Amino acid sequence: GSDTPAQNHEAFVREFIVNSSTFSPGNTSRYEQAIDTYCDDSPDKSDARNGLAVLDELQVSSQTDGTPSVEVMSGEASGSRIPVHYSVKVTTRAGVTSKSGTLTGTVYVRPGADRCVIEVVEDESGPTQTF
């Protein structure tokens, strides 16, 4: 097609963000799918797997509200790391407590057809999600 590399990264990161923010007790398939898109050398991968067990234990569920907005920072790319800024509204529930907020941060992706997420850095400024 006529998609630019930036458009491909946008679509990839949107899907990653939605999948990693969508889970409920007993149904973590989308979250697991997101974890699988980490490169094998990513330290985030094992952290995310550990986090998955904790979320399941605490009976936490999460879903995105709307489509994440993403911005590929091609000009700031270095080597095999392309930063993609993201922002998405998320609602989480733990027991009877429900919270909504905006999750913002940067996902670093690898260029090329075998795209994967190298690192996720969440931004602590502004209204962020807290579990």
C-alpha atoms as a PDB file:
ATOM      1  CA  GLY A   1       0.000   0.000   0.000  1.00  0.00           C
ATOM      2  CA  SER A   2       0.931   3.673   0.163  1.00  0.00           C
ATOM      3  CA  ASP A   3       1.284   3.774   3.937  1.00  0.00           C
ATOM      4  CA  THR A   4       4.323   5.594   5.206  1.00  0.00           C
ATOM      5  CA  PRO A   5       6.554   4.030   7.879  1.00  0.00           C
ATOM      6  CA  ALA A   6       5.173   6.619  10.328  1.00  0.00           C
ATOM      7  CA  GLN A   7       1.580   5.524   9.611  1.00  0.00           C
ATOM      8  CA  ASN A   8       2.595   1.912  10.142  1.00  0.00           C
ATOM      9  CA  HIS A   9       4.125   2.826  13.505  1.00  0.00           C
ATOM     10  CA  GLU A  10       1.025   4.790  14.483  1.00  0.00           C
ATOM     11  CA  ALA A  11      -1.264   1.839  13.764  1.00  0.00           C
ATOM     12  CA  PHE A  12       1.088  -0.582  15.505  1.00  0.00           C
ATOM     13  CA  VAL A  13       1.395   1.545  18.658  1.00  0.00           C
ATOM     14  CA  ARG A  14      -2.361   2.244  18.796  1.00  0.00           C
ATOM     15  CA  GLU A  15      -3.031  -1.480  18.751  1.00  0.00           C
ATOM     16  CA  PHE A  16      -0.320  -2.092  21.347  1.00  0.00           C
ATOM     17  CA  ILE A  17      -1.712   0.587  23.702  1.00  0.00           C
ATOM     18  CA  VAL A  18      -5.304  -0.645  23.377  1.00  0.00           C
ATOM     19  CA  ASN A  19      -4.275  -4.264  23.932  1.00  0.00           C
ATOM     20  CA  SER A  20      -2.044  -3.474  26.910  1.00  0.00           C
ATOM     21  CA  SER A  21      -4.819  -1.410  28.514  1.00  0.00           C
ATOM     22  CA  THR A  22      -7.561  -4.013  28.016  1.00  0.00           C
ATOM     23  CA  PHE A  23      -7.878  -6.777  30.563  1.00  0.00           C
ATOM     24  CA  SER A  24     -10.213  -8.199  33.161  1.00  0.00           C
ATOM     25  CA  PRO A  25      -9.901 -10.984  35.715  1.00  0.00           C
ATOM     26  CA  GLY A  26      -9.840 -14.241  33.772  1.00  0.00           C
ATOM     27  CA  ASN A  27      -9.456 -12.513  30.415  1.00  0.00           C
ATOM     28  CA  THR A  28      -5.976 -11.154  29.801  1.00  0.00           C
ATOM     29  CA  SER A  29      -5.540 -12.376  26.222  1.00  0.00           C
ATOM     30  CA  ARG A  30      -5.182  -8.887  24.729  1.00  0.00           C
ATOM     31  CA  TYR A  31      -2.690  -7.863  27.401  1.00  0.00           C
ATOM     32  CA  GLU A  32      -0.706 -11.038  26.728  1.00  0.00           C
ATOM     33  CA  GLN A  33      -0.810 -10.268  23.011  1.00  0.00           C
ATOM     34  CA  ALA A  34       0.682  -6.847  23.783  1.00  0.00           C
ATOM     35  CA  ILE A  35       3.415  -8.403  25.908  1.00  0.00           C
ATOM     36  CA  ASP A  36       4.243 -10.750  23.048  1.00  0.00           C
ATOM     37  CA  THR A  37       5.009  -7.751  20.829  1.00  0.00           C
ATOM     38  CA  TYR A  38       7.919  -6.792  23.107  1.00  0.00           C
ATOM     39  CA  CYS A  39      11.278  -7.795  21.700  1.00  0.00           C
ATOM     40  CA  ASP A  40      12.833 -10.728  23.505  1.00  0.00           C
ATOM     41  CA  ASP A  41      15.638  -8.548  24.839  1.00  0.00           C
ATOM     42  CA  SER A  42      13.229  -6.129  26.495  1.00  0.00           C
ATOM     43  CA  PRO A  43      13.390  -6.020  30.297  1.00  0.00           C
ATOM     44  CA  ASP A  44       9.817  -4.693  30.151  1.00  0.00           C
ATOM     45  CA  LYS A  45       8.612  -8.076  28.955  1.00  0.00           C
ATOM     46  CA  SER A  46       9.277  -9.918  32.215  1.00  0.00           C
ATOM     47  CA  ASP A  47       8.030  -6.934  34.247  1.00  0.00           C
ATOM     48  CA  ALA A  48       4.778  -6.972  32.298  1.00  0.00           C
ATOM     49  CA  ARG A  49       4.376 -10.714  32.820  1.00  0.00           C
ATOM     50  CA  ASN A  50       4.877 -10.254  36.567  1.00  0.00           C
ATOM     51  CA  GLY A  51       2.427  -7.358  36.550  1.00  0.00           C
ATOM     52  CA  LEU A  52      -0.137  -9.542  34.819  1.00  0.00           C
ATOM     53  CA  ALA A  53      -0.199 -11.993  37.728  1.00  0.00           C
ATOM     54  CA  VAL A  54      -0.619  -9.141  40.212  1.00  0.00           C
ATOM     55  CA  LEU A  55      -3.507  -7.576  38.264  1.00  0.00           C
ATOM     56  CA  ASP A  56      -5.241 -10.939  38.083  1.00  0.00           C
ATOM     57  CA  GLU A  57      -4.738 -11.471  41.808  1.00  0.00           C
ATOM     58  CA  LEU A  58      -6.144  -8.034  42.648  1.00  0.00           C
ATOM     59  CA  GLN A  59      -9.100  -8.591  40.288  1.00  0.00           C
ATOM     60  CA  VAL A  60      -8.351  -5.417  38.331  1.00  0.00           C
ATOM     61  CA  SER A  61      -9.969  -4.696  34.992  1.00  0.00           C
ATOM     62  CA  SER A  62      -9.133  -1.953  32.511  1.00  0.00           C
ATOM     63  CA  GLN A  63     -10.375  -0.641  29.211  1.00  0.00           C
ATOM     64  CA  THR A  64      -9.546   2.204  26.878  1.00  0.00           C
ATOM     65  CA  ASP A  65     -12.185   4.838  26.172  1.00  0.00           C
ATOM     66  CA  GLY A  66     -11.741   5.820  22.545  1.00  0.00           C
ATOM     67  CA  THR A  67      -8.768   5.618  20.223  1.00  0.00           C
ATOM     68  CA  PRO A  68      -5.291   6.481  21.520  1.00  0.00           C
ATOM     69  CA  SER A  69      -3.725   9.544  19.955  1.00  0.00           C
ATOM     70  CA  VAL A  70      -0.156   8.848  18.912  1.00  0.00           C
ATOM     71  CA  GLU A  71       2.655  10.897  17.440  1.00  0.00           C
ATOM     72  CA  VAL A  72       5.681   9.292  15.807  1.00  0.00           C
ATOM     73  CA  MET A  73       8.789  11.352  16.607  1.00  0.00           C
ATOM     74  CA  SER A  74      10.798  10.233  13.572  1.00  0.00           C
ATOM     75  CA  GLY A  75      13.187  13.157  13.971  1.00  0.00           C
ATOM     76  CA  GLU A  76      14.187  11.913  17.414  1.00  0.00           C
ATOM     77  CA  ALA A  77      14.934   8.367  16.279  1.00  0.00           C
ATOM     78  CA  SER A  78      18.285   6.929  17.284  1.00  0.00           C
ATOM     79  CA  GLY A  79      19.572   3.648  15.933  1.00  0.00           C
ATOM     80  CA  SER A  80      16.833   1.059  16.277  1.00  0.00           C
ATOM     81  CA  ARG A  81      14.660   3.217  18.548  1.00  0.00           C
ATOM     82  CA  ILE A  82      11.831   5.397  17.311  1.00  0.00           C
ATOM     83  CA  PRO A  83       9.914   7.239  20.045  1.00  0.00           C
ATOM     84  CA  VAL A  84       6.128   7.353  19.710  1.00  0.00           C
ATOM     85  CA  HIS A  85       4.241   9.584  22.146  1.00  0.00           C
ATOM     86  CA  TYR A  86       0.789   8.395  23.130  1.00  0.00           C
ATOM     87  CA  SER A  87      -2.242   9.547  25.082  1.00  0.00           C
ATOM     88  CA  VAL A  88      -5.364   7.520  25.812  1.00  0.00           C
ATOM     89  CA  LYS A  89      -8.312   7.692  28.173  1.00  0.00           C
ATOM     90  CA  VAL A  90      -8.534   4.631  30.380  1.00  0.00           C
ATOM     91  CA  THR A  91     -11.025   3.375  32.945  1.00  0.00           C
ATOM     92  CA  THR A  92      -9.903   0.869  35.539  1.00  0.00           C
ATOM     93  CA  ARG A  93     -11.894  -1.048  38.121  1.00  0.00           C
ATOM     94  CA  ALA A  94     -10.728  -2.832  41.216  1.00  0.00           C
ATOM     95  CA  GLY A  95     -13.582  -4.244  43.245  1.00  0.00           C
ATOM     96  CA  VAL A  96     -16.203  -1.495  43.497  1.00  0.00           C
ATOM     97  CA  THR A  97     -13.698   1.290  42.865  1.00  0.00           C
ATOM     98  CA  SER A  98     -13.652   2.764  39.369  1.00  0.00           C
ATOM     99  CA  LYS A  99     -11.168   5.355  38.112  1.00  0.00           C
ATOM    100  CA  SER A 100     -10.857   7.161  34.834  1.00  0.00           C
ATOM    101  CA  GLY A 101      -7.852   9.103  33.669  1.00  0.00           C
ATOM    102  CA  THR A 102      -5.530   9.817  30.802  1.00  0.00           C
ATOM    103  CA  LEU A 103      -2.566   7.548  30.322  1.00  0.00           C
ATOM    104  CA  THR A 104       0.325   9.284  28.581  1.00  0.00           C
ATOM    105  CA  GLY A 105       3.848   8.241  27.779  1.00  0.00           C
ATOM    106  CA  THR A 106       6.272   7.129  25.119  1.00  0.00           C
ATOM    107  CA  VAL A 107       6.620   3.771  23.430  1.00  0.00           C
ATOM    108  CA  TYR A 108       9.919   3.038  21.695  1.00  0.00           C
ATOM    109  CA  VAL A 109       9.529   0.863  18.621  1.00  0.00           C
ATOM    110  CA  ARG A 110      11.892  -0.808  16.183  1.00  0.00           C
ATOM    111  CA  PRO A 111      11.682   0.198  12.555  1.00  0.00           C
ATOM    112  CA  GLY A 112      10.980  -2.290   9.790  1.00  0.00           C
ATOM    113  CA  ALA A 113       8.496  -5.041   9.163  1.00  0.00           C
ATOM    114  CA  ASP A 114       9.414  -6.934  12.329  1.00  0.00           C
ATOM    115  CA  ARG A 115       8.318  -4.019  14.484  1.00  0.00           C
ATOM    116  CA  CYS A 116       8.269  -4.550  18.180  1.00  0.00           C
ATOM    117  CA  VAL A 117       8.201  -2.487  21.329  1.00  0.00           C
ATOM    118  CA  ILE A 118      11.565  -2.007  22.971  1.00  0.00           C
ATOM    119  CA  GLU A 119      10.526   0.101  25.920  1.00  0.00           C
ATOM    120  CA  VAL A 120       7.503   1.831  27.425  1.00  0.00           C
ATOM    121  CA  VAL A 121       8.026   4.991  29.458  1.00  0.00           C
ATOM    122  CA  GLU A 122       4.946   6.322  31.211  1.00  0.00           C
ATOM    123  CA  ASP A 123       4.632  10.011  31.853  1.00  0.00           C
ATOM    124  CA  GLU A 124       3.874  10.999  35.432  1.00  0.00           C
ATOM    125  CA  SER A 125       2.658  14.506  34.620  1.00  0.00           C
ATOM    126  CA  GLY A 126      -0.999  15.336  34.158  1.00  0.00           C
ATOM    127  CA  PRO A 127      -3.943  13.127  35.052  1.00  0.00           C
ATOM    128  CA  THR A 128      -2.522   9.627  34.875  1.00  0.00           C
ATOM    129  CA  GLN A 129      -3.982   6.289  35.783  1.00  0.00           C
ATOM    130  CA  THR A 130      -3.061   4.886  39.147  1.00  0.00           C
ATOM    131  CA  PHE A 131      -3.902   1.368  40.215  1.00  0.00           C
END
